[in-house]
PDB file of all heavy atoms in Angstrom:
ATOM      1  N   GLU A   1       0.826  -1.216   0.000  1.00  0.00           N
ATOM      2  CA  GLU A   1       0.000   0.000   0.000  1.00  0.00           C
ATOM      3  C   GLU A   1       0.853   1.256   0.000  1.00  0.00           C
ATOM      4  O   GLU A   1       0.643   2.169   0.795  1.00  0.00           O
ATOM      5  CB  GLU A   1      -0.941  -0.001   1.224  1.00  0.00           C
ATOM      6  CG  GLU A   1      -1.913  -1.157   1.185  1.00  0.00           C
ATOM      7  CD  GLU A   1      -2.801  -1.215   2.418  1.00  0.00           C
ATOM      8  OE1 GLU A   1      -3.129  -0.150   2.969  1.00  0.00           O
ATOM      9  OE2 GLU A   1      -3.160  -2.329   2.824  1.00  0.00           O
ATOM     10  N   SER A   2       1.814   1.244  -0.896  1.00  0.00           N
ATOM     11  CA  SER A   2       2.731   2.370  -0.959  1.00  0.00           C
ATOM     12  C   SER A   2       2.067   3.552  -1.671  1.00  0.00           C
ATOM     13  O   SER A   2       1.515   3.396  -2.750  1.00  0.00           O
ATOM     14  CB  SER A   2       3.981   1.914  -1.713  1.00  0.00           C
ATOM     15  OG  SER A   2       4.821   2.987  -1.927  1.00  0.00           O
ATOM     16  N   GLY A   3       2.107   4.727  -1.030  1.00  0.00           N
ATOM     17  CA  GLY A   3       1.584   5.958  -1.632  1.00  0.00           C
ATOM     18  C   GLY A   3       2.691   6.991  -1.646  1.00  0.00           C
ATOM     19  O   GLY A   3       3.836   6.675  -1.319  1.00  0.00           O
ATOM     20  N   PRO A   4       2.380   8.231  -2.015  1.00  0.00           N
ATOM     21  CA  PRO A   4       3.436   9.256  -2.023  1.00  0.00           C
ATOM     22  C   PRO A   4       3.963   9.585  -0.625  1.00  0.00           C
ATOM     23  O   PRO A   4       5.108   9.976  -0.471  1.00  0.00           O
ATOM     24  CB  PRO A   4       2.772  10.486  -2.646  1.00  0.00           C
ATOM     25  CG  PRO A   4       1.344  10.141  -2.892  1.00  0.00           C
ATOM     26  CD  PRO A   4       1.109   8.706  -2.556  1.00  0.00           C
ATOM     27  N   ARG A   5       3.114   9.454   0.404  1.00  0.00           N
ATOM     28  CA  ARG A   5       3.543   9.890   1.726  1.00  0.00           C
ATOM     29  C   ARG A   5       3.443   8.809   2.799  1.00  0.00           C
ATOM     30  O   ARG A   5       3.661   9.079   3.976  1.00  0.00           O
ATOM     31  CB  ARG A   5       2.711  11.107   2.171  1.00  0.00           C
ATOM     32  CG  ARG A   5       2.909  12.258   1.231  1.00  0.00           C
ATOM     33  CD  ARG A   5       2.569  13.593   1.835  1.00  0.00           C
ATOM     34  NE  ARG A   5       3.033  14.648   0.941  1.00  0.00           N
ATOM     35  CZ  ARG A   5       4.244  15.187   1.015  1.00  0.00           C
ATOM     36  NH1 ARG A   5       5.093  14.801   1.943  1.00  0.00           N
ATOM     37  NH2 ARG A   5       4.603  16.116   0.160  1.00  0.00           N
ATOM     38  N   SER A   6       3.103   7.603   2.403  1.00  0.00           N
ATOM     39  CA  SER A   6       2.996   6.542   3.420  1.00  0.00           C
ATOM     40  C   SER A   6       3.161   5.177   2.770  1.00  0.00           C
ATOM     41  O   SER A   6       3.058   5.041   1.552  1.00  0.00           O
ATOM     42  CB  SER A   6       1.629   6.605   4.111  1.00  0.00           C
ATOM     43  OG  SER A   6       0.620   6.252   3.182  1.00  0.00           O
ATOM     44  N   PHE A   7       3.445   4.180   3.594  1.00  0.00           N
ATOM     45  CA  PHE A   7       3.366   2.784   3.159  1.00  0.00           C
ATOM     46  C   PHE A   7       3.111   1.927   4.389  1.00  0.00           C
ATOM     47  O   PHE A   7       3.272   2.371   5.527  1.00  0.00           O
ATOM     48  CB  PHE A   7       4.619   2.322   2.394  1.00  0.00           C
ATOM     49  CG  PHE A   7       5.931   2.606   3.070  1.00  0.00           C
ATOM     50  CD1 PHE A   7       6.357   1.865   4.163  1.00  0.00           C
ATOM     51  CD2 PHE A   7       6.757   3.624   2.590  1.00  0.00           C
ATOM     52  CE1 PHE A   7       7.572   2.126   4.771  1.00  0.00           C
ATOM     53  CE2 PHE A   7       7.983   3.890   3.200  1.00  0.00           C
ATOM     54  CZ  PHE A   7       8.391   3.143   4.284  1.00  0.00           C
ATOM     55  N   GLN A   8       2.672   0.711   4.125  1.00  0.00           N
ATOM     56  CA  GLN A   8       2.431  -0.227   5.217  1.00  0.00           C
ATOM     57  C   GLN A   8       3.597  -1.203   5.303  1.00  0.00           C
ATOM     58  O   GLN A   8       4.107  -1.663   4.282  1.00  0.00           O
ATOM     59  CB  GLN A   8       1.136  -1.001   4.974  1.00  0.00           C
ATOM     60  CG  GLN A   8       0.862  -1.962   6.127  1.00  0.00           C
ATOM     61  CD  GLN A   8      -0.527  -2.567   6.082  1.00  0.00           C
ATOM     62  OE1 GLN A   8      -1.232  -2.443   5.093  1.00  0.00           O
ATOM     63  NE2 GLN A   8      -0.906  -3.224   7.150  1.00  0.00           N
ATOM     64  N   VAL A   9       4.016  -1.491   6.527  1.00  0.00           N
ATOM     65  CA  VAL A   9       5.074  -2.469   6.770  1.00  0.00           C
ATOM     66  C   VAL A   9       4.440  -3.625   7.524  1.00  0.00           C
ATOM     67  O   VAL A   9       3.760  -3.412   8.527  1.00  0.00           O
ATOM     68  CB  VAL A   9       6.195  -1.875   7.658  1.00  0.00           C
ATOM     69  CG1 VAL A   9       7.336  -2.862   7.803  1.00  0.00           C
ATOM     70  CG2 VAL A   9       6.683  -0.551   7.102  1.00  0.00           C
ATOM     71  N   SER A  10       4.621  -4.854   7.035  1.00  0.00           N
ATOM     72  CA  SER A  10       4.146  -6.004   7.812  1.00  0.00           C
ATOM     73  C   SER A  10       5.249  -7.050   7.865  1.00  0.00           C
ATOM     74  O   SER A  10       6.168  -7.041   7.044  1.00  0.00           O
ATOM     75  CB  SER A  10       2.854  -6.577   7.234  1.00  0.00           C
ATOM     76  OG  SER A  10       2.891  -6.604   5.846  1.00  0.00           O
ATOM     77  N   TRP A  11       5.176  -7.927   8.853  1.00  0.00           N
ATOM     78  CA  TRP A  11       6.255  -8.897   9.050  1.00  0.00           C
ATOM     79  C   TRP A  11       5.692 -10.195   9.586  1.00  0.00           C
ATOM     80  O   TRP A  11       4.575 -10.272  10.075  1.00  0.00           O
ATOM     81  CB  TRP A  11       7.317  -8.336  10.000  1.00  0.00           C
ATOM     82  CG  TRP A  11       6.744  -7.855  11.302  1.00  0.00           C
ATOM     83  CD1 TRP A  11       6.519  -8.579  12.424  1.00  0.00           C
ATOM     84  CD2 TRP A  11       6.280  -6.519  11.585  1.00  0.00           C
ATOM     85  NE1 TRP A  11       5.955  -7.788  13.393  1.00  0.00           N
ATOM     86  CE2 TRP A  11       5.791  -6.530  12.910  1.00  0.00           C
ATOM     87  CE3 TRP A  11       6.241  -5.330  10.847  1.00  0.00           C
ATOM     88  CZ2 TRP A  11       5.271  -5.392  13.515  1.00  0.00           C
ATOM     89  CZ3 TRP A  11       5.707  -4.201  11.448  1.00  0.00           C
ATOM     90  CH2 TRP A  11       5.236  -4.227  12.770  1.00  0.00           C
ATOM     91  N   ALA A  12       6.485 -11.228   9.456  1.00  0.00           N
ATOM     92  CA  ALA A  12       6.117 -12.556   9.939  1.00  0.00           C
ATOM     93  C   ALA A  12       7.398 -13.238  10.398  1.00  0.00           C
ATOM     94  O   ALA A  12       8.483 -12.882   9.949  1.00  0.00           O
ATOM     95  CB  ALA A  12       5.470 -13.344   8.806  1.00  0.00           C
ATOM     96  N   PRO A  13       7.322 -14.259  11.262  1.00  0.00           N
ATOM     97  CA  PRO A  13       6.126 -14.690  11.974  1.00  0.00           C
ATOM     98  C   PRO A  13       5.891 -13.827  13.211  1.00  0.00           C
ATOM     99  O   PRO A  13       6.777 -13.086  13.607  1.00  0.00           O
ATOM    100  CB  PRO A  13       6.503 -16.112  12.398  1.00  0.00           C
ATOM    101  CG  PRO A  13       7.984 -16.037  12.619  1.00  0.00           C
ATOM    102  CD  PRO A  13       8.502 -15.061  11.587  1.00  0.00           C
ATOM    103  N   VAL A  14       4.683 -13.941  13.798  1.00  0.00           N
ATOM    104  CA  VAL A  14       4.407 -13.292  15.077  1.00  0.00           C
ATOM    105  C   VAL A  14       4.579 -14.361  16.157  1.00  0.00           C
ATOM    106  O   VAL A  14       4.008 -15.439  16.049  1.00  0.00           O
ATOM    107  CB  VAL A  14       2.974 -12.726  15.106  1.00  0.00           C
ATOM    108  CG1 VAL A  14       2.638 -12.209  16.490  1.00  0.00           C
ATOM    109  CG2 VAL A  14       2.853 -11.603  14.091  1.00  0.00           C
ATOM    110  N   LEU A  15       5.410 -14.085  17.147  1.00  0.00           N
ATOM    111  CA  LEU A  15       5.758 -15.098  18.151  1.00  0.00           C
ATOM    112  C   LEU A  15       5.351 -14.643  19.541  1.00  0.00           C
ATOM    113  O   LEU A  15       5.458 -13.463  19.868  1.00  0.00           O
ATOM    114  CB  LEU A  15       7.274 -15.325  18.129  1.00  0.00           C
ATOM    115  CG  LEU A  15       7.837 -15.789  16.791  1.00  0.00           C
ATOM    116  CD1 LEU A  15       9.334 -15.608  16.767  1.00  0.00           C
ATOM    117  CD2 LEU A  15       7.488 -17.243  16.567  1.00  0.00           C
ATOM    118  N   ASP A  16       4.934 -15.597  20.363  1.00  0.00           N
ATOM    119  CA  ASP A  16       4.578 -15.281  21.756  1.00  0.00           C
ATOM    120  C   ASP A  16       5.760 -14.747  22.550  1.00  0.00           C
ATOM    121  O   ASP A  16       5.592 -14.045  23.536  1.00  0.00           O
ATOM    122  CB  ASP A  16       4.081 -16.545  22.474  1.00  0.00           C
ATOM    123  CG  ASP A  16       2.724 -16.957  21.949  1.00  0.00           C
ATOM    124  OD1 ASP A  16       2.052 -16.108  21.336  1.00  0.00           O
ATOM    125  OD2 ASP A  16       2.354 -18.122  22.151  1.00  0.00           O
ATOM    126  N   SER A  17       6.966 -15.134  22.128  1.00  0.00           N
ATOM    127  CA  SER A  17       8.136 -14.743  22.918  1.00  0.00           C
ATOM    128  C   SER A  17       8.584 -13.310  22.636  1.00  0.00           C
ATOM    129  O   SER A  17       9.540 -12.841  23.225  1.00  0.00           O
ATOM    130  CB  SER A  17       9.285 -15.721  22.643  1.00  0.00           C
ATOM    131  OG  SER A  17       9.469 -15.871  21.254  1.00  0.00           O
ATOM    132  N   VAL A  18       7.879 -12.606  21.727  1.00  0.00           N
ATOM    133  CA  VAL A  18       8.239 -11.220  21.411  1.00  0.00           C
ATOM    134  C   VAL A  18       7.413 -10.262  22.262  1.00  0.00           C
ATOM    135  O   VAL A  18       6.187 -10.346  22.299  1.00  0.00           O
ATOM    136  CB  VAL A  18       8.006 -10.921  19.911  1.00  0.00           C
ATOM    137  CG1 VAL A  18       8.250  -9.444  19.612  1.00  0.00           C
ATOM    138  CG2 VAL A  18       8.920 -11.783  19.054  1.00  0.00           C
ATOM    139  N   ALA A  19       8.090  -9.360  22.967  1.00  0.00           N
ATOM    140  CA  ALA A  19       7.393  -8.366  23.786  1.00  0.00           C
ATOM    141  C   ALA A  19       6.914  -7.205  22.922  1.00  0.00           C
ATOM    142  O   ALA A  19       5.802  -6.722  23.075  1.00  0.00           O
ATOM    143  CB  ALA A  19       8.330  -7.859  24.882  1.00  0.00           C
ATOM    144  N   SER A  20       7.769  -6.729  22.021  1.00  0.00           N
ATOM    145  CA  SER A  20       7.376  -5.625  21.148  1.00  0.00           C
ATOM    146  C   SER A  20       8.258  -5.616  19.909  1.00  0.00           C
ATOM    147  O   SER A  20       9.294  -6.301  19.864  1.00  0.00           O
ATOM    148  CB  SER A  20       7.501  -4.280  21.868  1.00  0.00           C
ATOM    149  OG  SER A  20       8.850  -4.022  22.185  1.00  0.00           O
ATOM    150  N   TYR A  21       7.836  -4.858  18.926  1.00  0.00           N
ATOM    151  CA  TYR A  21       8.621  -4.663  17.716  1.00  0.00           C
ATOM    152  C   TYR A  21       8.991  -3.194  17.618  1.00  0.00           C
ATOM    153  O   TYR A  21       8.229  -2.318  18.041  1.00  0.00           O
ATOM    154  CB  TYR A  21       7.824  -5.049  16.466  1.00  0.00           C
ATOM    155  CG  TYR A  21       7.510  -6.512  16.380  1.00  0.00           C
ATOM    156  CD1 TYR A  21       6.296  -7.003  16.844  1.00  0.00           C
ATOM    157  CD2 TYR A  21       8.426  -7.405  15.836  1.00  0.00           C
ATOM    158  CE1 TYR A  21       6.004  -8.355  16.770  1.00  0.00           C
ATOM    159  CE2 TYR A  21       8.138  -8.764  15.757  1.00  0.00           C
ATOM    160  CZ  TYR A  21       6.928  -9.230  16.229  1.00  0.00           C
ATOM    161  OH  TYR A  21       6.642 -10.565  16.155  1.00  0.00           O
ATOM    162  N   GLN A  22      10.151  -2.929  17.041  1.00  0.00           N
ATOM    163  CA  GLN A  22      10.550  -1.565  16.729  1.00  0.00           C
ATOM    164  C   GLN A  22      10.669  -1.475  15.224  1.00  0.00           C
ATOM    165  O   GLN A  22      11.312  -2.321  14.608  1.00  0.00           O
ATOM    166  CB  GLN A  22      11.923  -1.266  17.315  1.00  0.00           C
ATOM    167  CG  GLN A  22      11.864  -0.544  18.617  1.00  0.00           C
ATOM    168  CD  GLN A  22      13.252  -0.175  19.103  1.00  0.00           C
ATOM    169  OE1 GLN A  22      14.250  -0.459  18.460  1.00  0.00           O
ATOM    170  NE2 GLN A  22      13.307   0.453  20.260  1.00  0.00           N
ATOM    171  N   VAL A  23      10.047  -0.463  14.648  1.00  0.00           N
ATOM    172  CA  VAL A  23      10.184  -0.242  13.214  1.00  0.00           C
ATOM    173  C   VAL A  23      10.997   1.035  13.035  1.00  0.00           C
ATOM    174  O   VAL A  23      10.567   2.112  13.454  1.00  0.00           O
ATOM    175  CB  VAL A  23       8.798  -0.113  12.544  1.00  0.00           C
ATOM    176  CG1 VAL A  23       8.950   0.135  11.048  1.00  0.00           C
ATOM    177  CG2 VAL A  23       7.973  -1.374  12.804  1.00  0.00           C
ATOM    178  N   LEU A  24      12.189   0.889  12.457  1.00  0.00           N
ATOM    179  CA  LEU A  24      13.044   2.046  12.191  1.00  0.00           C
ATOM    180  C   LEU A  24      12.979   2.332  10.706  1.00  0.00           C
ATOM    181  O   LEU A  24      13.048   1.404   9.896  1.00  0.00           O
ATOM    182  CB  LEU A  24      14.501   1.746  12.561  1.00  0.00           C
ATOM    183  CG  LEU A  24      14.879   1.807  14.038  1.00  0.00           C
ATOM    184  CD1 LEU A  24      14.312   0.637  14.785  1.00  0.00           C
ATOM    185  CD2 LEU A  24      16.376   1.852  14.192  1.00  0.00           C
ATOM    186  N   TYR A  25      12.853   3.604  10.333  1.00  0.00           N
ATOM    187  CA  TYR A  25      12.841   3.917   8.907  1.00  0.00           C
ATOM    188  C   TYR A  25      13.497   5.263   8.669  1.00  0.00           C
ATOM    189  O   TYR A  25      13.453   6.154   9.526  1.00  0.00           O
ATOM    190  CB  TYR A  25      11.406   3.905   8.357  1.00  0.00           C
ATOM    191  CG  TYR A  25      10.469   4.876   9.018  1.00  0.00           C
ATOM    192  CD1 TYR A  25      10.218   6.132   8.458  1.00  0.00           C
ATOM    193  CD2 TYR A  25       9.846   4.556  10.223  1.00  0.00           C
ATOM    194  CE1 TYR A  25       9.365   7.038   9.084  1.00  0.00           C
ATOM    195  CE2 TYR A  25       8.991   5.460  10.853  1.00  0.00           C
ATOM    196  CZ  TYR A  25       8.760   6.695  10.280  1.00  0.00           C
ATOM    197  OH  TYR A  25       7.934   7.595  10.892  1.00  0.00           O
ATOM    198  N   GLY A  26      14.146   5.381   7.529  1.00  0.00           N
ATOM    199  CA  GLY A  26      14.795   6.638   7.179  1.00  0.00           C
ATOM    200  C   GLY A  26      15.100   6.644   5.700  1.00  0.00           C
ATOM    201  O   GLY A  26      15.244   5.587   5.084  1.00  0.00           O
ATOM    202  N   PRO A  27      15.181   7.848   5.100  1.00  0.00           N
ATOM    203  CA  PRO A  27      15.435   7.934   3.665  1.00  0.00           C
ATOM    204  C   PRO A  27      16.863   7.506   3.321  1.00  0.00           C
ATOM    205  O   PRO A  27      17.774   7.675   4.127  1.00  0.00           O
ATOM    206  CB  PRO A  27      15.224   9.425   3.361  1.00  0.00           C
ATOM    207  CG  PRO A  27      15.398  10.132   4.659  1.00  0.00           C
ATOM    208  CD  PRO A  27      15.039   9.168   5.737  1.00  0.00           C
ATOM    209  N   LEU A  28      17.016   6.927   2.137  1.00  0.00           N
ATOM    210  CA  LEU A  28      18.340   6.582   1.632  1.00  0.00           C
ATOM    211  C   LEU A  28      18.672   7.542   0.505  1.00  0.00           C
ATOM    212  O   LEU A  28      17.823   7.789  -0.341  1.00  0.00           O
ATOM    213  CB  LEU A  28      18.325   5.155   1.054  1.00  0.00           C
ATOM    214  CG  LEU A  28      18.269   4.006   2.065  1.00  0.00           C
ATOM    215  CD1 LEU A  28      18.104   2.694   1.331  1.00  0.00           C
ATOM    216  CD2 LEU A  28      19.516   3.974   2.922  1.00  0.00           C
ATOM    217  N   PRO A  29      19.885   8.039   0.356  1.00  0.00           N
ATOM    218  CA  PRO A  29      20.900   7.960   1.417  1.00  0.00           C
ATOM    219  C   PRO A  29      20.541   8.971   2.496  1.00  0.00           C
ATOM    220  O   PRO A  29      19.768   9.872   2.244  1.00  0.00           O
ATOM    221  CB  PRO A  29      22.174   8.367   0.683  1.00  0.00           C
ATOM    222  CG  PRO A  29      21.697   9.297  -0.399  1.00  0.00           C
ATOM    223  CD  PRO A  29      20.321   8.817  -0.790  1.00  0.00           C
ATOM    224  N   GLY A  30      21.115   8.822   3.646  1.00  0.00           N
ATOM    225  CA  GLY A  30      20.796   9.757   4.725  1.00  0.00           C
ATOM    226  C   GLY A  30      20.929   9.035   6.041  1.00  0.00           C
ATOM    227  O   GLY A  30      21.032   7.818   6.087  1.00  0.00           O
TER     228      GLY A  30
END
């Protein structure tokens, strides 16, 4: 669902042993 100002990030698998996820993003290069 990529648009000019946003996109969706999804990941797998989802595990019970994970407390939280961190999503880091930044423009390349930069």
